[in-house]
Amino acid sequence: MFIEIAHEHGSREALVDGPVRLEHAEVLRRAATVAVRLRNKGVEPGDRVAILLPNCWQYAVAYIGAQQQPRGHGEDRCTGAQTDREAGRRP
């Protein structure tokens, strides 16, 4: 639902976390980066993704990014994603 709303209200403020203020378009841009990073790490549509962050703007961006399904592999701009296989866990 956020993605659809963000497309309509791109320049409006979406997230406020202390001094950090992000517009809808910026949240989508950052979330797309997360989505691409997850895809590059081997996460496929339908896979479960755990997000271990405190209640902060980064959590919201990661949550939205994990829900996105990028069309293909792109530039690897985020760090910290790890698949179950890399962590030694069974999917």
PDB file of N, CA and C in Angstrom:
ATOM      1  N   MET A   1       0.809  -1.175   0.000  1.00  0.00           N
ATOM      2  CA  MET A   1       0.000   0.000   0.000  1.00  0.00           C
ATOM      3  C   MET A   1       0.869   1.261   0.000  1.00  0.00           C
ATOM      4  N   PHE A   2       1.978   1.255   0.744  1.00  0.00           N
ATOM      5  CA  PHE A   2       2.844   2.435   0.784  1.00  0.00           C
ATOM      6  C   PHE A   2       3.355   2.787  -0.603  1.00  0.00           C
ATOM      7  N   ILE A   3       3.703   1.788  -1.372  1.00  0.00           N
ATOM      8  CA  ILE A   3       4.285   2.029  -2.698  1.00  0.00           C
ATOM      9  C   ILE A   3       3.291   2.785  -3.578  1.00  0.00           C
ATOM     10  N   GLU A   4       2.035   2.381  -3.573  1.00  0.00           N
ATOM     11  CA  GLU A   4       1.026   3.057  -4.378  1.00  0.00           C
ATOM     12  C   GLU A   4       0.824   4.504  -3.919  1.00  0.00           C
ATOM     13  N   ILE A   5       0.765   4.700  -2.610  1.00  0.00           N
ATOM     14  CA  ILE A   5       0.598   6.047  -2.062  1.00  0.00           C
ATOM     15  C   ILE A   5       1.818   6.901  -2.389  1.00  0.00           C
ATOM     16  N   ALA A   6       2.994   6.322  -2.289  1.00  0.00           N
ATOM     17  CA  ALA A   6       4.229   7.065  -2.556  1.00  0.00           C
ATOM     18  C   ALA A   6       4.295   7.552  -3.995  1.00  0.00           C
ATOM     19  N   HIS A   7       3.787   6.769  -4.921  1.00  0.00           N
ATOM     20  CA  HIS A   7       3.786   7.193  -6.321  1.00  0.00           C
ATOM     21  C   HIS A   7       2.881   8.418  -6.516  1.00  0.00           C
ATOM     22  N   GLU A   8       1.834   8.520  -5.737  1.00  0.00           N
ATOM     23  CA  GLU A   8       0.927   9.659  -5.836  1.00  0.00           C
ATOM     24  C   GLU A   8       1.456  10.904  -5.131  1.00  0.00           C
ATOM     25  N   HIS A   9       2.249  10.696  -4.074  1.00  0.00           N
ATOM     26  CA  HIS A   9       2.683  11.804  -3.221  1.00  0.00           C
ATOM     27  C   HIS A   9       4.203  11.866  -3.104  1.00  0.00           C
ATOM     28  N   GLY A  10       4.907  11.688  -4.200  1.00  0.00           N
ATOM     29  CA  GLY A  10       6.362  11.594  -4.195  1.00  0.00           C
ATOM     30  C   GLY A  10       7.108  12.674  -3.457  1.00  0.00           C
ATOM     31  N   SER A  11       6.685  13.925  -3.567  1.00  0.00           N
ATOM     32  CA  SER A  11       7.440  15.019  -2.949  1.00  0.00           C
ATOM     33  C   SER A  11       6.966  15.343  -1.535  1.00  0.00           C
ATOM     34  N   ARG A  12       5.953  14.658  -1.051  1.00  0.00           N
ATOM     35  CA  ARG A  12       5.470  14.901   0.316  1.00  0.00           C
ATOM     36  C   ARG A  12       6.291  14.117   1.328  1.00  0.00           C
ATOM     37  N   GLU A  13       6.379  14.652   2.509  1.00  0.00           N
ATOM     38  CA  GLU A  13       7.125  14.012   3.583  1.00  0.00           C
ATOM     39  C   GLU A  13       6.452  12.703   3.986  1.00  0.00           C
ATOM     40  N   ALA A  14       7.253  11.650   4.095  1.00  0.00           N
ATOM     41  CA  ALA A  14       6.718  10.327   4.421  1.00  0.00           C
ATOM     42  C   ALA A  14       7.192   9.827   5.783  1.00  0.00           C
ATOM     43  N   LEU A  15       8.465  10.053   6.102  1.00  0.00           N
ATOM     44  CA  LEU A  15       9.045   9.543   7.342  1.00  0.00           C
ATOM     45  C   LEU A  15       9.767  10.661   8.075  1.00  0.00           C
ATOM     46  N   VAL A  16       9.553  10.701   9.383  1.00  0.00           N
ATOM     47  CA  VAL A  16      10.278  11.629  10.239  1.00  0.00           C
ATOM     48  C   VAL A  16      10.828  10.821  11.401  1.00  0.00           C
ATOM     49  N   ASP A  17      12.136  10.887  11.588  1.00  0.00           N
ATOM     50  CA  ASP A  17      12.804  10.184  12.681  1.00  0.00           C
ATOM     51  C   ASP A  17      13.862  11.135  13.240  1.00  0.00           C
ATOM     52  N   GLY A  18      13.479  11.898  14.253  1.00  0.00           N
ATOM     53  CA  GLY A  18      14.383  12.917  14.793  1.00  0.00           C
ATOM     54  C   GLY A  18      14.688  13.937  13.706  1.00  0.00           C
ATOM     55  N   PRO A  19      15.976  14.145  13.428  1.00  0.00           N
ATOM     56  CA  PRO A  19      16.334  15.142  12.408  1.00  0.00           C
ATOM     57  C   PRO A  19      16.163  14.640  10.970  1.00  0.00           C
ATOM     58  N   VAL A  20      15.933  13.347  10.797  1.00  0.00           N
ATOM     59  CA  VAL A  20      15.812  12.774   9.454  1.00  0.00           C
ATOM     60  C   VAL A  20      14.385  12.925   8.954  1.00  0.00           C
ATOM     61  N   ARG A  21      14.266  13.513   7.763  1.00  0.00           N
ATOM     62  CA  ARG A  21      12.969  13.683   7.121  1.00  0.00           C
ATOM     63  C   ARG A  21      13.101  13.190   5.687  1.00  0.00           C
ATOM     64  N   LEU A  22      12.275  12.216   5.324  1.00  0.00           N
ATOM     65  CA  LEU A  22      12.354  11.630   3.986  1.00  0.00           C
ATOM     66  C   LEU A  22      11.023  11.786   3.261  1.00  0.00           C
ATOM     67  N   GLU A  23      11.107  12.219   2.022  1.00  0.00           N
ATOM     68  CA  GLU A  23       9.923  12.293   1.165  1.00  0.00           C
ATOM     69  C   GLU A  23       9.600  10.890   0.659  1.00  0.00           C
ATOM     70  N   HIS A  24       8.362  10.711   0.200  1.00  0.00           N
ATOM     71  CA  HIS A  24       7.940   9.413  -0.326  1.00  0.00           C
ATOM     72  C   HIS A  24       8.896   8.906  -1.403  1.00  0.00           C
ATOM     73  N   ALA A  25       9.279   9.773  -2.332  1.00  0.00           N
ATOM     74  CA  ALA A  25      10.160   9.363  -3.431  1.00  0.00           C
ATOM     75  C   ALA A  25      11.505   8.885  -2.911  1.00  0.00           C
ATOM     76  N   GLU A  26      12.026   9.537  -1.879  1.00  0.00           N
ATOM     77  CA  GLU A  26      13.321   9.134  -1.305  1.00  0.00           C
ATOM     78  C   GLU A  26      13.203   7.796  -0.595  1.00  0.00           C
ATOM     79  N   VAL A  27      12.094   7.580   0.096  1.00  0.00           N
ATOM     80  CA  VAL A  27      11.876   6.277   0.740  1.00  0.00           C
ATOM     81  C   VAL A  27      11.849   5.177  -0.317  1.00  0.00           C
ATOM     82  N   LEU A  28      11.127   5.410  -1.415  1.00  0.00           N
ATOM     83  CA  LEU A  28      11.064   4.411  -2.489  1.00  0.00           C
ATOM     84  C   LEU A  28      12.432   4.169  -3.110  1.00  0.00           C
ATOM     85  N   ARG A  29      13.214   5.229  -3.303  1.00  0.00           N
ATOM     86  CA  ARG A  29      14.547   5.073  -3.887  1.00  0.00           C
ATOM     87  C   ARG A  29      15.426   4.220  -2.977  1.00  0.00           C
ATOM     88  N   ARG A  30      15.414   4.532  -1.689  1.00  0.00           N
ATOM     89  CA  ARG A  30      16.225   3.756  -0.737  1.00  0.00           C
ATOM     90  C   ARG A  30      15.714   2.325  -0.602  1.00  0.00           C
ATOM     91  N   ALA A  31      14.395   2.147  -0.611  1.00  0.00           N
ATOM     92  CA  ALA A  31      13.814   0.805  -0.522  1.00  0.00           C
ATOM     93  C   ALA A  31      14.170  -0.021  -1.755  1.00  0.00           C
ATOM     94  N   ALA A  32      14.213   0.621  -2.910  1.00  0.00           N
ATOM     95  CA  ALA A  32      14.600  -0.095  -4.134  1.00  0.00           C
ATOM     96  C   ALA A  32      16.036  -0.574  -4.034  1.00  0.00           C
ATOM     97  N   THR A  33      16.885   0.217  -3.403  1.00  0.00           N
ATOM     98  CA  THR A  33      18.276  -0.191  -3.190  1.00  0.00           C
ATOM     99  C   THR A  33      18.333  -1.429  -2.301  1.00  0.00           C
ATOM    100  N   VAL A  34      17.531  -1.438  -1.247  1.00  0.00           N
ATOM    101  CA  VAL A  34      17.459  -2.614  -0.360  1.00  0.00           C
ATOM    102  C   VAL A  34      16.968  -3.820  -1.150  1.00  0.00           C
ATOM    103  N   ALA A  35      15.931  -3.630  -1.959  1.00  0.00           N
ATOM    104  CA  ALA A  35      15.369  -4.734  -2.743  1.00  0.00           C
ATOM    105  C   ALA A  35      16.404  -5.323  -3.691  1.00  0.00           C
ATOM    106  N   VAL A  36      17.159  -4.471  -4.345  1.00  0.00           N
ATOM    107  CA  VAL A  36      18.197  -4.947  -5.271  1.00  0.00           C
ATOM    108  C   VAL A  36      19.274  -5.699  -4.506  1.00  0.00           C
ATOM    109  N   ARG A  37      19.679  -5.164  -3.367  1.00  0.00           N
ATOM    110  CA  ARG A  37      20.701  -5.837  -2.553  1.00  0.00           C
ATOM    111  C   ARG A  37      20.224  -7.226  -2.115  1.00  0.00           C
ATOM    112  N   LEU A  38      18.982  -7.315  -1.667  1.00  0.00           N
ATOM    113  CA  LEU A  38      18.448  -8.617  -1.264  1.00  0.00           C
ATOM    114  C   LEU A  38      18.423  -9.582  -2.444  1.00  0.00           C
ATOM    115  N   ARG A  39      18.005  -9.090  -3.600  1.00  0.00           N
ATOM    116  CA  ARG A  39      17.968  -9.926  -4.804  1.00  0.00           C
ATOM    117  C   ARG A  39      19.377 -10.409  -5.170  1.00  0.00           C
ATOM    118  N   ASN A  40      20.352  -9.506  -5.078  1.00  0.00           N
ATOM    119  CA  ASN A  40      21.739  -9.869  -5.381  1.00  0.00           C
ATOM    120  C   ASN A  40      22.295 -10.881  -4.388  1.00  0.00           C
ATOM    121  N   LYS A  41      21.725 -10.911  -3.187  1.00  0.00           N
ATOM    122  CA  LYS A  41      22.138 -11.880  -2.172  1.00  0.00           C
ATOM    123  C   LYS A  41      21.404 -13.218  -2.321  1.00  0.00           C
ATOM    124  N   GLY A  42      20.506 -13.307  -3.301  1.00  0.00           N
ATOM    125  CA  GLY A  42      19.819 -14.568  -3.557  1.00  0.00           C
ATOM    126  C   GLY A  42      18.409 -14.657  -3.024  1.00  0.00           C
ATOM    127  N   VAL A  43      17.895 -13.586  -2.458  1.00  0.00           N
ATOM    128  CA  VAL A  43      16.522 -13.596  -1.951  1.00  0.00           C
ATOM    129  C   VAL A  43      15.568 -13.539  -3.139  1.00  0.00           C
ATOM    130  N   GLU A  44      14.655 -14.466  -3.180  1.00  0.00           N
ATOM    131  CA  GLU A  44      13.680 -14.567  -4.269  1.00  0.00           C
ATOM    132  C   GLU A  44      12.304 -14.148  -3.767  1.00  0.00           C
ATOM    133  N   PRO A  45      11.409 -13.736  -4.672  1.00  0.00           N
ATOM    134  CA  PRO A  45      10.035 -13.428  -4.264  1.00  0.00           C
ATOM    135  C   PRO A  45       9.434 -14.604  -3.494  1.00  0.00           C
ATOM    136  N   GLY A  46       8.807 -14.306  -2.374  1.00  0.00           N
ATOM    137  CA  GLY A  46       8.216 -15.338  -1.530  1.00  0.00           C
ATOM    138  C   GLY A  46       9.112 -15.781  -0.392  1.00  0.00           C
ATOM    139  N   ASP A  47      10.423 -15.471  -0.453  1.00  0.00           N
ATOM    140  CA  ASP A  47      11.335 -15.800   0.636  1.00  0.00           C
ATOM    141  C   ASP A  47      11.011 -14.944   1.851  1.00  0.00           C
ATOM    142  N   ARG A  48      11.324 -15.459   3.021  1.00  0.00           N
ATOM    143  CA  ARG A  48      11.176 -14.693   4.251  1.00  0.00           C
ATOM    144  C   ARG A  48      12.453 -13.911   4.501  1.00  0.00           C
ATOM    145  N   VAL A  49      12.282 -12.690   4.974  1.00  0.00           N
ATOM    146  CA  VAL A  49      13.416 -11.823   5.282  1.00  0.00           C
ATOM    147  C   VAL A  49      13.234 -11.298   6.699  1.00  0.00           C
ATOM    148  N   ALA A  50      14.234 -11.486   7.551  1.00  0.00           N
ATOM    149  CA  ALA A  50      14.206 -10.945   8.910  1.00  0.00           C
ATOM    150  C   ALA A  50      14.930  -9.603   8.918  1.00  0.00           C
ATOM    151  N   ILE A  51      14.360  -8.643   9.620  1.00  0.00           N
ATOM    152  CA  ILE A  51      14.964  -7.319   9.736  1.00  0.00           C
ATOM    153  C   ILE A  51      15.237  -7.078  11.212  1.00  0.00           C
ATOM    154  N   LEU A  52      16.506  -6.934  11.551  1.00  0.00           N
ATOM    155  CA  LEU A  52      16.893  -6.740  12.941  1.00  0.00           C
ATOM    156  C   LEU A  52      17.415  -5.316  13.109  1.00  0.00           C
ATOM    157  N   LEU A  53      16.488  -4.408  13.340  1.00  0.00           N
ATOM    158  CA  LEU A  53      16.799  -2.996  13.537  1.00  0.00           C
ATOM    159  C   LEU A  53      15.870  -2.434  14.605  1.00  0.00           C
ATOM    160  N   PRO A  54      16.301  -1.385  15.293  1.00  0.00           N
ATOM    161  CA  PRO A  54      15.374  -0.725  16.223  1.00  0.00           C
ATOM    162  C   PRO A  54      14.296   0.032  15.452  1.00  0.00           C
ATOM    163  N   ASN A  55      13.359   0.611  16.164  1.00  0.00           N
ATOM    164  CA  ASN A  55      12.293   1.394  15.549  1.00  0.00           C
ATOM    165  C   ASN A  55      12.905   2.700  15.025  1.00  0.00           C
ATOM    166  N   CYS A  56      13.226   2.721  13.740  1.00  0.00           N
ATOM    167  CA  CYS A  56      13.903   3.865  13.134  1.00  0.00           C
ATOM    168  C   CYS A  56      13.533   3.935  11.653  1.00  0.00           C
ATOM    169  N   TRP A  57      13.956   5.000  10.993  1.00  0.00           N
ATOM    170  CA  TRP A  57      13.620   5.160   9.578  1.00  0.00           C
ATOM    171  C   TRP A  57      14.232   4.052   8.740  1.00  0.00           C
ATOM    172  N   GLN A  58      15.405   3.552   9.130  1.00  0.00           N
ATOM    173  CA  GLN A  58      16.040   2.478   8.371  1.00  0.00           C
ATOM    174  C   GLN A  58      15.197   1.204   8.390  1.00  0.00           C
ATOM    175  N   TYR A  59      14.515   0.945   9.516  1.00  0.00           N
ATOM    176  CA  TYR A  59      13.638  -0.222   9.583  1.00  0.00           C
ATOM    177  C   TYR A  59      12.511  -0.096   8.561  1.00  0.00           C
ATOM    178  N   ALA A  60      11.896   1.077   8.515  1.00  0.00           N
ATOM    179  CA  ALA A  60      10.793   1.290   7.577  1.00  0.00           C
ATOM    180  C   ALA A  60      11.255   1.101   6.138  1.00  0.00           C
ATOM    181  N   VAL A  61      12.416   1.643   5.816  1.00  0.00           N
ATOM    182  CA  VAL A  61      12.953   1.505   4.450  1.00  0.00           C
ATOM    183  C   VAL A  61      13.258   0.038   4.147  1.00  0.00           C
ATOM    184  N   ALA A  62      13.869  -0.665   5.101  1.00  0.00           N
ATOM    185  CA  ALA A  62      14.184  -2.083   4.893  1.00  0.00           C
ATOM    186  C   ALA A  62      12.914  -2.903   4.727  1.00  0.00           C
ATOM    187  N   TYR A  63      11.893  -2.605   5.512  1.00  0.00           N
ATOM    188  CA  TYR A  63      10.615  -3.319   5.439  1.00  0.00           C
ATOM    189  C   TYR A  63       9.974  -3.144   4.062  1.00  0.00           C
ATOM    190  N   ILE A  64       9.948  -1.913   3.585  1.00  0.00           N
ATOM    191  CA  ILE A  64       9.373  -1.641   2.266  1.00  0.00           C
ATOM    192  C   ILE A  64      10.216  -2.286   1.176  1.00  0.00           C
ATOM    193  N   GLY A  65      11.530  -2.209   1.310  1.00  0.00           N
ATOM    194  CA  GLY A  65      12.433  -2.816   0.325  1.00  0.00           C
ATOM    195  C   GLY A  65      12.289  -4.325   0.254  1.00  0.00           C
ATOM    196  N   ALA A  66      12.079  -4.958   1.406  1.00  0.00           N
ATOM    197  CA  ALA A  66      11.920  -6.414   1.430  1.00  0.00           C
ATOM    198  C   ALA A  66      10.633  -6.845   0.732  1.00  0.00           C
ATOM    199  N   GLN A  67       9.656  -5.962   0.653  1.00  0.00           N
ATOM    200  CA  GLN A  67       8.398  -6.275  -0.007  1.00  0.00           C
ATOM    201  C   GLN A  67       8.459  -6.074  -1.519  1.00  0.00           C
ATOM    202  N   GLN A  68       9.426  -5.296  -1.970  1.00  0.00           N
ATOM    203  CA  GLN A  68       9.543  -5.030  -3.399  1.00  0.00           C
ATOM    204  C   GLN A  68      10.176  -6.212  -4.108  1.00  0.00           C
ATOM    205  N   GLN A  69       9.823  -6.374  -5.371  1.00  0.00           N
ATOM    206  CA  GLN A  69      10.407  -7.427  -6.195  1.00  0.00           C
ATOM    207  C   GLN A  69      11.060  -6.773  -7.401  1.00  0.00           C
ATOM    208  N   PRO A  70      12.381  -6.528  -7.318  1.00  0.00           N
ATOM    209  CA  PRO A  70      13.050  -5.869  -8.441  1.00  0.00           C
ATOM    210  C   PRO A  70      12.939  -6.683  -9.720  1.00  0.00           C
ATOM    211  N   ARG A  71      12.923  -5.994 -10.839  1.00  0.00           N
ATOM    212  CA  ARG A  71      12.776  -6.660 -12.141  1.00  0.00           C
ATOM    213  C   ARG A  71      14.025  -7.418 -12.545  1.00  0.00           C
ATOM    214  N   GLY A  72      15.155  -7.015 -12.047  1.00  0.00           N
ATOM    215  CA  GLY A  72      16.403  -7.685 -12.403  1.00  0.00           C
ATOM    216  C   GLY A  72      17.498  -7.280 -11.450  1.00  0.00           C
ATOM    217  N   HIS A  73      18.666  -7.777 -11.687  1.00  0.00           N
ATOM    218  CA  HIS A  73      19.785  -7.449 -10.836  1.00  0.00           C
ATOM    219  C   HIS A  73      20.308  -6.067 -11.208  1.00  0.00           C
ATOM    220  N   GLY A  74      20.654  -5.301 -10.201  1.00  0.00           N
ATOM    221  CA  GLY A  74      21.140  -3.952 -10.442  1.00  0.00           C
ATOM    222  C   GLY A  74      22.369  -3.664  -9.614  1.00  0.00           C
ATOM    223  N   GLU A  75      22.674  -2.417  -9.494  1.00  0.00           N
ATOM    224  CA  GLU A  75      23.854  -1.989  -8.760  1.00  0.00           C
ATOM    225  C   GLU A  75      23.719  -2.367  -7.296  1.00  0.00           C
ATOM    226  N   ASP A  76      24.785  -2.849  -6.717  1.00  0.00           N
ATOM    227  CA  ASP A  76      24.818  -3.315  -5.346  1.00  0.00           C
ATOM    228  C   ASP A  76      25.233  -2.151  -4.449  1.00  0.00           C
ATOM    229  N   ARG A  77      24.266  -1.441  -3.857  1.00  0.00           N
ATOM    230  CA  ARG A  77      24.591  -0.224  -3.124  1.00  0.00           C
ATOM    231  C   ARG A  77      24.390  -0.328  -1.619  1.00  0.00           C
ATOM    232  N   CYS A  78      23.787  -1.396  -1.087  1.00  0.00           N
ATOM    233  CA  CYS A  78      23.573  -1.522   0.351  1.00  0.00           C
ATOM    234  C   CYS A  78      24.469  -2.613   0.910  1.00  0.00           C
ATOM    235  N   THR A  79      24.656  -2.620   2.201  1.00  0.00           N
ATOM    236  CA  THR A  79      25.446  -3.667   2.836  1.00  0.00           C
ATOM    237  C   THR A  79      24.646  -4.282   3.968  1.00  0.00           C
ATOM    238  N   GLY A  80      25.070  -5.450   4.409  1.00  0.00           N
ATOM    239  CA  GLY A  80      24.485  -6.057   5.584  1.00  0.00           C
ATOM    240  C   GLY A  80      23.478  -7.155   5.330  1.00  0.00           C
ATOM    241  N   ALA A  81      23.008  -7.339   4.118  1.00  0.00           N
ATOM    242  CA  ALA A  81      22.041  -8.400   3.856  1.00  0.00           C
ATOM    243  C   ALA A  81      22.763  -9.745   3.829  1.00  0.00           C
ATOM    244  N   GLN A  82      22.129 -10.742   4.376  1.00  0.00           N
ATOM    245  CA  GLN A  82      22.721 -12.071   4.404  1.00  0.00           C
ATOM    246  C   GLN A  82      21.614 -13.095   4.207  1.00  0.00           C
ATOM    247  N   THR A  83      21.820 -14.033   3.313  1.00  0.00           N
ATOM    248  CA  THR A  83      20.804 -15.053   3.090  1.00  0.00           C
ATOM    249  C   THR A  83      20.909 -16.114   4.177  1.00  0.00           C
ATOM    250  N   ASP A  84      19.860 -16.924   4.315  1.00  0.00           N
ATOM    251  CA  ASP A  84      19.892 -18.027   5.263  1.00  0.00           C
ATOM    252  C   ASP A  84      21.051 -18.964   4.973  1.00  0.00           C
ATOM    253  N   ARG A  85      21.305 -19.228   3.681  1.00  0.00           N
ATOM    254  CA  ARG A  85      22.386 -20.135   3.317  1.00  0.00           C
ATOM    255  C   ARG A  85      23.740 -19.586   3.779  1.00  0.00           C
ATOM    256  N   GLU A  86      23.977 -18.283   3.606  1.00  0.00           N
ATOM    257  CA  GLU A  86      25.244 -17.689   4.032  1.00  0.00           C
ATOM    258  C   GLU A  86      25.404 -17.717   5.550  1.00  0.00           C
ATOM    259  N   ALA A  87      24.290 -17.611   6.261  1.00  0.00           N
ATOM    260  CA  ALA A  87      24.333 -17.603   7.715  1.00  0.00           C
ATOM    261  C   ALA A  87      24.360 -19.010   8.298  1.00  0.00           C
ATOM    262  N   GLY A  88      24.279 -20.033   7.428  1.00  0.00           N
ATOM    263  CA  GLY A  88      24.317 -21.409   7.900  1.00  0.00           C
ATOM    264  C   GLY A  88      22.975 -21.931   8.361  1.00  0.00           C
ATOM    265  N   ARG A  89      21.908 -21.224   8.026  1.00  0.00           N
ATOM    266  CA  ARG A  89      20.562 -21.664   8.411  1.00  0.00           C
ATOM    267  C   ARG A  89      19.862 -22.254   7.203  1.00  0.00           C
ATOM    268  N   ARG A  90      18.919 -23.115   7.464  1.00  0.00           N
ATOM    269  CA  ARG A  90      18.129 -23.682   6.375  1.00  0.00           C
ATOM    270  C   ARG A  90      17.006 -22.724   6.043  1.00  0.00           C
ATOM    271  N   PRO A  91      16.728 -22.510   4.754  1.00  0.00           N
ATOM    272  CA  PRO A  91      15.641 -21.591   4.365  1.00  0.00           C
ATOM    273  C   PRO A  91      14.281 -22.096   4.801  1.00  0.00           C
TER     274      PRO A  91
END
